[in-house]
N, C-alpha and C. Protein backbone atom coordinates (compact mmCIF):
# COMPACT_ATOMS: atom_id res chain seq x y z
N MET A 1 48.39 6.17 -12.95
CA MET A 1 46.94 5.88 -12.17
C MET A 1 46.26 5.92 -13.84
N LYS A 2 45.57 4.81 -14.21
CA LYS A 2 44.81 4.52 -15.21
C LYS A 2 43.90 5.14 -15.61
N ARG A 3 43.64 5.80 -16.82
CA ARG A 3 42.19 6.43 -16.92
C ARG A 3 40.77 5.31 -17.78
N MET A 4 40.01 5.74 -17.46
CA MET A 4 39.12 4.44 -17.33
C MET A 4 38.53 4.86 -19.24
N PRO A 5 38.36 3.58 -20.09
CA PRO A 5 38.00 3.84 -21.45
C PRO A 5 37.17 4.47 -21.46
N MET A 6 36.79 5.31 -22.68
CA MET A 6 35.79 6.44 -22.43
C MET A 6 34.59 5.47 -23.23
N LEU A 7 34.66 4.48 -23.75
CA LEU A 7 33.49 3.59 -24.62
C LEU A 7 32.46 3.21 -23.49
N PRO A 8 32.82 2.69 -22.12
CA PRO A 8 32.39 2.17 -21.13
C PRO A 8 31.68 3.39 -20.31
N VAL A 9 32.27 4.55 -20.33
CA VAL A 9 31.45 5.37 -19.88
C VAL A 9 30.50 6.23 -20.64
N LEU A 10 30.74 6.10 -22.23
CA LEU A 10 29.63 6.69 -22.89
C LEU A 10 28.39 5.66 -23.07
N LEU A 11 28.95 4.18 -22.94
CA LEU A 11 27.71 3.30 -23.36
C LEU A 11 26.86 3.58 -21.36
N LEU A 12 27.43 3.55 -20.73
CA LEU A 12 26.63 3.76 -19.20
C LEU A 12 25.61 4.97 -19.50
N THR A 13 26.36 6.28 -19.89
CA THR A 13 25.70 7.31 -19.75
C THR A 13 24.72 7.46 -21.05
N VAL A 14 24.70 6.52 -21.96
CA VAL A 14 23.66 6.61 -23.17
C VAL A 14 22.74 4.99 -22.45
N LEU A 15 22.62 4.38 -21.72
CA LEU A 15 21.51 3.40 -21.14
C LEU A 15 21.09 4.28 -20.03
N ALA A 16 21.69 5.08 -19.27
CA ALA A 16 20.64 5.93 -18.37
C ALA A 16 19.96 6.66 -18.87
N VAL A 17 20.36 7.30 -19.95
CA VAL A 17 19.39 8.68 -20.58
C VAL A 17 18.18 7.85 -21.36
N ALA A 18 18.27 6.66 -21.78
CA ALA A 18 17.55 6.10 -22.58
C ALA A 18 16.56 5.10 -21.83
N GLY A 19 16.35 5.26 -20.30
CA GLY A 19 15.64 4.80 -19.37
C GLY A 19 16.03 3.34 -19.01
N CYS A 20 17.06 2.67 -19.33
CA CYS A 20 17.58 1.34 -18.99
C CYS A 20 17.68 1.24 -17.23
N PHE A 21 17.69 2.22 -16.40
CA PHE A 21 18.01 2.33 -15.19
C PHE A 21 16.71 2.62 -14.76
N ALA A 22 15.80 2.70 -15.23
CA ALA A 22 14.70 3.34 -14.58
C ALA A 22 14.04 2.72 -13.52
N PRO A 23 13.59 3.19 -12.87
CA PRO A 23 12.92 2.59 -11.59
C PRO A 23 11.96 1.06 -11.71
N LYS A 24 11.82 0.10 -11.03
CA LYS A 24 10.69 -0.87 -11.15
C LYS A 24 9.77 -0.26 -10.94
N ALA A 25 8.39 -0.84 -11.06
CA ALA A 25 7.29 -0.59 -10.73
C ALA A 25 6.65 -0.71 -9.10
N GLN A 26 7.37 -1.61 -8.51
CA GLN A 26 7.37 -1.22 -7.07
C GLN A 26 8.23 -0.30 -6.38
N GLU A 27 9.13 0.47 -7.30
CA GLU A 27 9.63 1.56 -6.57
C GLU A 27 8.85 2.86 -7.19
N ALA A 28 7.82 2.64 -8.06
CA ALA A 28 7.13 3.96 -8.34
C ALA A 28 6.02 4.04 -7.91
N ALA A 29 5.67 2.85 -7.16
CA ALA A 29 4.51 2.61 -6.29
C ALA A 29 4.78 3.20 -5.27
N ARG A 30 5.98 3.01 -4.61
CA ARG A 30 6.07 3.23 -3.25
C ARG A 30 6.59 4.85 -3.34
N ASN A 31 7.11 5.41 -4.44
CA ASN A 31 7.73 6.54 -4.55
C ASN A 31 6.47 7.67 -4.84
N TRP A 32 5.44 7.07 -5.20
CA TRP A 32 4.21 7.72 -5.82
C TRP A 32 3.58 8.89 -4.63
N ARG A 33 3.56 10.11 -5.08
CA ARG A 33 3.26 11.17 -3.94
C ARG A 33 1.42 11.31 -4.06
N PRO A 34 0.61 10.67 -3.79
CA PRO A 34 -0.59 11.22 -3.91
C PRO A 34 -1.11 12.59 -3.52
N LEU A 35 -0.71 13.21 -2.66
CA LEU A 35 -0.69 14.75 -2.79
C LEU A 35 0.01 15.86 -3.46
N GLY A 36 0.70 14.96 -4.67
CA GLY A 36 1.56 15.58 -5.44
C GLY A 36 3.26 15.95 -5.34
N VAL A 37 3.71 16.80 -5.84
CA VAL A 37 5.24 16.65 -5.78
C VAL A 37 5.36 16.98 -4.08
N GLY A 38 4.94 18.00 -3.75
CA GLY A 38 5.08 18.84 -2.43
C GLY A 38 4.94 17.75 -1.19
N GLY A 39 4.09 16.46 -1.61
CA GLY A 39 3.82 15.47 -0.51
C GLY A 39 4.51 14.37 -0.24
N LEU A 40 4.33 14.00 0.99
CA LEU A 40 5.07 12.85 1.00
C LEU A 40 4.95 11.52 0.04
N THR A 41 5.74 10.43 0.41
CA THR A 41 5.54 9.59 -0.75
C THR A 41 4.84 8.49 0.19
N LEU A 42 4.26 7.50 -1.00
CA LEU A 42 2.93 6.53 -0.15
C LEU A 42 3.94 5.56 0.63
N ASP A 43 4.89 5.54 0.36
CA ASP A 43 5.86 4.43 1.53
C ASP A 43 5.90 5.18 2.50
N ALA A 44 6.57 6.66 2.80
CA ALA A 44 6.71 7.50 4.08
C ALA A 44 5.19 7.70 4.63
N LEU A 45 3.97 7.51 3.36
CA LEU A 45 2.49 7.97 4.34
C LEU A 45 2.42 6.82 5.30
N LEU A 46 2.26 5.47 4.53
CA LEU A 46 2.01 4.39 5.11
C LEU A 46 2.99 3.85 6.70
N ALA A 47 4.38 4.48 6.53
CA ALA A 47 5.22 4.10 7.30
C ALA A 47 4.39 5.35 8.94
N VAL A 48 3.97 6.23 8.29
CA VAL A 48 3.58 6.83 9.88
C VAL A 48 2.07 7.19 10.30
N SER A 49 1.45 5.98 9.22
CA SER A 49 0.03 5.66 9.14
C SER A 49 -0.29 5.46 10.69
N PRO A 50 -1.60 5.82 11.12
CA PRO A 50 -1.95 5.44 12.60
C PRO A 50 -2.16 3.69 12.79
N CYS A 51 -1.44 3.08 13.76
CA CYS A 51 -1.76 1.81 13.90
C CYS A 51 -0.69 0.60 13.13
N VAL A 52 0.01 1.18 12.40
CA VAL A 52 0.53 0.23 11.21
C VAL A 52 1.63 -0.84 12.13
N LYS A 53 1.60 -2.09 12.00
CA LYS A 53 2.43 -2.93 12.33
C LYS A 53 3.33 -3.70 11.19
N ASN A 54 2.91 -3.52 9.77
CA ASN A 54 3.97 -3.99 9.24
C ASN A 54 3.37 -3.46 7.68
N VAL A 55 4.06 -3.18 6.87
CA VAL A 55 4.07 -3.08 5.45
C VAL A 55 4.66 -3.99 4.46
N VAL A 56 4.11 -4.87 3.83
CA VAL A 56 4.22 -5.71 2.67
C VAL A 56 4.00 -5.52 1.23
N TRP A 57 5.22 -5.46 0.70
CA TRP A 57 5.18 -4.83 -0.99
C TRP A 57 5.28 -6.29 -1.77
N GLU A 58 4.09 -6.40 -2.93
CA GLU A 58 4.46 -7.16 -3.88
C GLU A 58 3.94 -6.92 -5.30
N THR A 59 4.72 -7.44 -6.07
CA THR A 59 4.25 -7.04 -7.46
C THR A 59 3.79 -7.87 -8.53
N PHE A 60 2.85 -7.84 -9.27
CA PHE A 60 2.30 -8.48 -10.42
C PHE A 60 1.79 -8.59 -11.44
N ALA A 61 1.76 -9.38 -12.72
CA ALA A 61 1.82 -8.48 -13.70
C ALA A 61 0.13 -8.54 -13.80
N GLY A 62 -0.12 -7.28 -14.67
CA GLY A 62 -1.13 -6.59 -14.82
C GLY A 62 -1.66 -6.55 -16.56
N ASP A 63 -2.64 -5.39 -16.33
CA ASP A 63 -2.94 -5.22 -18.24
C ASP A 63 -1.36 -5.16 -19.08
N PRO A 64 -1.63 -5.72 -20.36
CA PRO A 64 -0.38 -5.37 -21.26
C PRO A 64 -0.06 -3.56 -20.68
N GLY A 65 1.40 -3.89 -20.37
CA GLY A 65 1.94 -2.31 -20.43
C GLY A 65 1.62 -1.95 -18.83
N GLN A 66 1.27 -2.73 -18.20
CA GLN A 66 0.81 -2.46 -16.88
C GLN A 66 1.66 -3.33 -15.79
N THR A 67 2.09 -3.02 -14.23
CA THR A 67 1.98 -3.86 -13.23
C THR A 67 1.55 -3.42 -12.18
N VAL A 68 0.54 -4.02 -11.59
CA VAL A 68 0.09 -4.14 -10.33
C VAL A 68 0.84 -4.41 -9.37
N VAL A 69 1.14 -3.30 -8.56
CA VAL A 69 1.35 -3.44 -7.37
C VAL A 69 1.03 -3.17 -5.96
N ARG A 70 0.98 -4.10 -5.25
CA ARG A 70 0.08 -4.25 -4.06
C ARG A 70 0.74 -4.34 -2.38
N ALA A 71 0.33 -3.01 -2.00
CA ALA A 71 1.01 -3.09 -0.40
C ALA A 71 -0.13 -3.80 0.31
N SER A 72 0.26 -4.48 1.29
CA SER A 72 -0.57 -5.33 2.56
C SER A 72 -0.03 -4.61 3.63
N VAL A 73 -0.86 -3.72 4.44
CA VAL A 73 -0.71 -3.16 5.46
C VAL A 73 -1.35 -3.88 6.77
N GLU A 74 -0.53 -4.23 7.56
CA GLU A 74 -1.05 -4.75 8.60
C GLU A 74 -1.32 -3.84 9.69
N TYR A 75 -2.57 -3.34 10.53
CA TYR A 75 -2.65 -2.82 11.20
C TYR A 75 -2.77 -3.47 12.44
N ASP A 76 -3.02 -2.59 13.95
CA ASP A 76 -2.99 -3.30 14.98
C ASP A 76 -4.74 -3.22 15.54
N PRO A 77 -5.25 -4.12 15.40
CA PRO A 77 -6.41 -3.87 15.58
C PRO A 77 -7.15 -2.92 17.39
N ALA A 78 -6.30 -3.49 18.21
CA ALA A 78 -6.70 -3.18 19.75
C ALA A 78 -6.46 -1.71 19.43
N ARG A 79 -5.40 -1.11 19.09
CA ARG A 79 -5.16 0.28 18.89
C ARG A 79 -5.98 1.04 17.90
N ALA A 80 -6.53 0.53 16.69
CA ALA A 80 -7.43 1.27 15.58
C ALA A 80 -8.79 1.13 16.59
N ALA A 81 -9.11 0.43 17.74
CA ALA A 81 -10.61 0.51 17.81
C ALA A 81 -10.44 1.30 18.81
N THR A 82 -9.71 1.86 19.59
CA THR A 82 -9.51 3.12 20.47
C THR A 82 -10.55 4.54 20.24
N GLY A 83 -10.42 4.82 18.84
CA GLY A 83 -11.30 6.01 18.32
C GLY A 83 -13.02 4.98 17.66
N CYS A 84 -13.23 3.96 18.09
CA CYS A 84 -14.30 3.63 17.97
C CYS A 84 -15.56 3.46 18.50
N PRO A 85 -16.66 3.51 18.55
CA PRO A 85 -18.01 2.88 19.16
C PRO A 85 -17.61 1.61 19.62
N LYS A 86 -18.21 1.64 21.61
CA LYS A 86 -17.99 0.42 21.95
C LYS A 86 -18.80 -0.74 20.78
N LEU A 87 -17.78 -2.12 21.46
CA LEU A 87 -18.64 -2.94 20.66
C LEU A 87 -19.84 -3.68 21.06
N GLU A 88 -20.66 -3.84 19.91
CA GLU A 88 -22.28 -4.67 20.25
C GLU A 88 -21.69 -6.05 20.98
N LYS A 89 -22.74 -6.56 21.88
CA LYS A 89 -22.73 -7.99 22.66
C LYS A 89 -22.34 -9.17 21.81
N ASP A 90 -22.89 -8.91 20.33
CA ASP A 90 -22.78 -10.02 19.37
C ASP A 90 -21.10 -9.83 18.42
N ASP A 91 -20.45 -8.80 18.44
CA ASP A 91 -19.20 -8.25 17.86
C ASP A 91 -18.02 -8.66 19.08
N ALA A 92 -16.82 -9.03 18.00
CA ALA A 92 -15.70 -8.84 18.57
C ALA A 92 -14.39 -8.41 17.65
N LEU A 93 -13.58 -7.90 18.53
CA LEU A 93 -12.39 -7.01 17.64
C LEU A 93 -11.69 -8.31 17.08
N ALA A 94 -11.29 -7.88 15.42
CA ALA A 94 -10.46 -8.63 14.80
C ALA A 94 -9.10 -8.92 15.34
N LYS A 95 -8.79 -10.20 15.46
CA LYS A 95 -7.18 -10.24 15.87
C LYS A 95 -6.15 -9.87 14.75
N ARG A 96 -6.48 -9.99 13.81
CA ARG A 96 -5.28 -9.22 12.76
C ARG A 96 -6.33 -8.48 11.76
N LEU A 97 -5.79 -7.47 11.54
CA LEU A 97 -6.46 -6.59 10.67
C LEU A 97 -5.45 -5.94 9.49
N PHE A 98 -5.72 -6.00 8.24
CA PHE A 98 -5.16 -5.63 6.85
C PHE A 98 -5.91 -4.65 6.04
N LEU A 99 -5.00 -3.65 5.48
CA LEU A 99 -5.39 -2.90 4.23
C LEU A 99 -4.81 -3.42 3.11
N ILE A 100 -5.15 -3.93 2.21
CA ILE A 100 -4.79 -4.12 0.91
C ILE A 100 -4.95 -3.18 -0.38
N LEU A 101 -4.00 -2.53 -0.93
CA LEU A 101 -4.20 -1.43 -1.25
C LEU A 101 -3.53 -2.22 -2.83
N ASP A 102 -4.20 -2.07 -4.19
CA ASP A 102 -3.48 -2.16 -5.41
C ASP A 102 -3.83 -1.27 -6.10
N LEU A 103 -1.98 -0.69 -6.74
CA LEU A 103 -2.21 0.45 -7.61
C LEU A 103 -1.56 -0.50 -8.99
N ALA A 104 -2.17 0.75 -10.03
CA ALA A 104 -1.17 0.11 -11.46
C ALA A 104 -0.29 1.30 -12.08
N VAL A 105 1.08 0.63 -12.27
CA VAL A 105 2.01 1.39 -12.44
C VAL A 105 1.98 1.11 -14.31
N THR A 106 2.27 2.07 -14.95
CA THR A 106 2.16 2.02 -16.15
C THR A 106 3.86 1.80 -16.96
N ALA A 107 4.25 0.90 -17.67
CA ALA A 107 5.56 0.71 -17.74
C ALA A 107 6.40 1.66 -18.43
N ALA A 108 5.53 2.63 -19.50
CA ALA A 108 6.27 3.27 -20.02
C ALA A 108 6.49 4.71 -19.84
N THR A 109 5.70 4.81 -18.60
CA THR A 109 5.95 6.46 -18.00
C THR A 109 6.20 6.29 -16.45
N GLY A 110 6.00 4.97 -15.75
CA GLY A 110 5.97 4.87 -14.55
C GLY A 110 4.89 5.55 -13.62
N ASP A 111 3.82 6.02 -14.09
CA ASP A 111 2.41 6.55 -13.91
C ASP A 111 2.00 5.42 -13.03
N VAL A 112 1.24 6.35 -11.92
CA VAL A 112 0.75 5.17 -10.34
C VAL A 112 -0.60 5.81 -10.53
N ALA A 113 -1.65 4.87 -10.11
CA ALA A 113 -2.91 4.76 -10.42
C ALA A 113 -3.55 3.91 -9.54
N PHE A 114 -4.34 4.45 -9.06
CA PHE A 114 -5.29 3.62 -7.71
C PHE A 114 -6.14 2.55 -8.51
N LEU A 115 -5.99 1.30 -8.05
CA LEU A 115 -7.06 -0.14 -8.93
C LEU A 115 -8.09 -0.23 -7.85
N ALA A 116 -7.60 -0.45 -6.36
CA ALA A 116 -8.79 -1.38 -5.44
C ALA A 116 -8.21 -1.04 -4.09
N ALA A 117 -9.08 -1.45 -3.54
CA ALA A 117 -8.67 -1.40 -1.69
C ALA A 117 -9.64 -2.12 -1.13
N LYS A 118 -9.19 -2.97 -0.15
CA LYS A 118 -10.12 -3.55 0.66
C LYS A 118 -9.65 -3.98 2.23
N ALA A 119 -10.10 -4.21 3.18
CA ALA A 119 -9.93 -4.19 4.28
C ALA A 119 -10.21 -5.75 4.37
N GLN A 120 -9.40 -6.07 5.48
CA GLN A 120 -9.70 -7.91 5.72
C GLN A 120 -9.48 -7.91 7.36
N ALA A 121 -10.41 -8.66 7.98
CA ALA A 121 -10.16 -8.66 9.43
C ALA A 121 -10.61 -10.38 9.71
N TYR A 122 -9.48 -10.63 10.18
CA TYR A 122 -9.67 -11.87 10.87
C TYR A 122 -9.72 -11.89 12.25
N ASN A 123 -10.20 -13.75 12.38
CA ASN A 123 -10.32 -13.86 13.73
C ASN A 123 -9.22 -14.75 14.33
N ALA A 124 -9.33 -15.55 15.69
CA ALA A 124 -8.05 -16.38 15.97
C ALA A 124 -7.82 -17.34 15.22
N ASP A 125 -8.92 -17.96 14.85
CA ASP A 125 -9.06 -18.88 14.12
C ASP A 125 -8.43 -18.97 12.39
N GLY A 126 -8.40 -18.23 12.12
CA GLY A 126 -8.30 -17.81 10.74
C GLY A 126 -9.48 -17.60 9.42
N TYR A 127 -10.26 -17.64 10.07
CA TYR A 127 -11.88 -16.83 9.39
C TYR A 127 -11.82 -15.29 9.35
N PHE A 128 -12.08 -14.93 8.23
CA PHE A 128 -11.63 -13.42 7.63
C PHE A 128 -13.03 -12.95 7.17
N GLU A 129 -13.32 -11.59 7.15
CA GLU A 129 -14.36 -11.37 6.42
C GLU A 129 -13.42 -9.97 5.45
N GLU A 130 -14.12 -9.74 4.49
CA GLU A 130 -13.18 -8.96 3.66
C GLU A 130 -14.22 -7.26 3.37
N TYR A 131 -13.62 -6.71 3.15
CA TYR A 131 -14.94 -5.27 2.71
C TYR A 131 -14.19 -4.41 1.95
N TRP A 132 -14.65 -4.29 0.55
CA TRP A 132 -14.19 -3.27 -0.32
C TRP A 132 -14.40 -2.01 -0.04
N LEU A 133 -13.23 -1.32 -0.36
CA LEU A 133 -13.16 0.00 0.02
C LEU A 133 -12.82 0.90 -1.21
N ASP A 134 -12.89 2.40 -1.17
CA ASP A 134 -13.08 3.12 -2.48
C ASP A 134 -11.39 4.27 -2.09
N ILE A 135 -11.47 4.74 -3.06
CA ILE A 135 -10.45 5.55 -3.31
C ILE A 135 -10.03 6.41 -2.46
N GLY A 136 -11.34 6.48 -1.24
CA GLY A 136 -11.05 7.48 -0.01
C GLY A 136 -9.70 7.17 0.96
N VAL A 137 -9.63 5.60 0.52
CA VAL A 137 -8.40 5.54 1.80
C VAL A 137 -7.13 5.83 1.41
N VAL A 138 -7.05 6.33 0.24
CA VAL A 138 -5.80 7.15 -0.03
C VAL A 138 -5.68 8.50 0.34
N ALA A 139 -7.04 9.10 0.54
CA ALA A 139 -7.19 10.46 1.13
C ALA A 139 -6.83 10.10 2.55
N ASP A 140 -7.55 9.12 3.41
CA ASP A 140 -7.15 8.78 4.65
C ASP A 140 -5.80 8.73 4.96
N ILE A 141 -5.04 8.13 4.34
CA ILE A 141 -3.58 8.05 4.15
C ILE A 141 -2.81 9.13 4.33
N ALA A 142 -3.19 9.85 3.11
CA ALA A 142 -2.62 11.23 3.18
C ALA A 142 -2.94 11.93 4.11
N ALA A 143 -4.08 11.92 4.67
CA ALA A 143 -4.14 12.62 5.94
C ALA A 143 -3.69 12.41 6.99
N LYS A 144 -2.79 10.93 7.21
CA LYS A 144 -2.45 10.71 8.47
C LYS A 144 -3.57 10.30 8.94
N ALA A 145 -4.84 9.58 8.68
CA ALA A 145 -5.85 9.16 9.50
C ALA A 145 -5.94 7.62 9.50
N PHE A 146 -6.72 6.80 10.39
CA PHE A 146 -7.19 5.50 10.42
C PHE A 146 -7.68 5.05 8.86
N PRO A 147 -7.46 4.25 8.05
CA PRO A 147 -8.24 4.60 6.81
C PRO A 147 -9.26 3.14 6.69
N ILE A 148 -9.20 2.58 7.80
CA ILE A 148 -10.38 1.51 7.55
C ILE A 148 -11.64 1.69 8.58
N PRO A 149 -12.80 1.75 8.20
CA PRO A 149 -14.05 1.93 8.87
C PRO A 149 -14.22 1.10 10.41
N CYS A 150 -14.65 1.82 11.17
CA CYS A 150 -14.69 1.33 12.49
C CYS A 150 -15.21 -0.10 12.41
N ALA A 151 -16.72 -0.26 11.49
CA ALA A 151 -17.66 -1.61 11.34
C ALA A 151 -16.83 -2.67 11.23
N ASP A 152 -15.62 -1.98 9.90
CA ASP A 152 -14.38 -3.15 9.29
C ASP A 152 -13.79 -3.72 10.09
N ILE A 153 -13.57 -3.65 11.52
CA ILE A 153 -12.52 -4.25 12.61
C ILE A 153 -13.16 -4.64 13.46
N VAL A 154 -14.42 -5.36 13.31
CA VAL A 154 -15.01 -6.38 14.07
C VAL A 154 -15.73 -7.61 13.51
N LEU A 155 -15.90 -8.72 13.77
CA LEU A 155 -16.68 -9.54 13.45
C LEU A 155 -17.48 -10.27 13.87
N PRO A 156 -18.41 -11.15 13.73
CA PRO A 156 -19.47 -11.60 14.76
C PRO A 156 -18.93 -12.56 15.60
N VAL A 157 -19.43 -12.41 17.08
CA VAL A 157 -18.97 -12.87 18.00
C VAL A 157 -18.96 -14.66 18.00
N TYR A 158 -20.10 -14.91 17.11
CA TYR A 158 -20.64 -16.45 17.12
C TYR A 158 -19.38 -17.44 16.02
N LEU A 159 -18.82 -16.47 15.22
CA LEU A 159 -17.40 -17.08 14.66
C LEU A 159 -16.41 -17.43 14.96
N ARG A 160 -15.97 -17.36 16.56
CA ARG A 160 -15.24 -17.50 17.30
C ARG A 160 -14.97 -18.93 17.78
């Protein structure tokens, strides 16, 4: 049995300690724990968020030294509407519903910070309305509550 030369093992150890194998921005965002060390990761919280159909993660260039990570979360509007008041006669339930959550990840430290959130409601023809949300959506997600207000999951019926 041959022994592995010591130089490659030493080099891998030095690179690992130096941070060369540090997680990428998307991994840092997915592993962010909004409730602190003892809480679930954002990825795990989104997986159990009520009415979730799908989550897509994307990465974009941000300010110098930062990367923007976006989670596009698609919700089932019909299931989401079960806890909402009855629709008005001039309103229709969205056919597709998204929460867009943008986070900033600092390259040097891997720190994650909330940047922005918005809801997007689409009708069957592709028309959509967009509603800006605040950091409260992160608290709703952490509490495993539906994060989009009822008013944001409907569209005017005349747009159908």
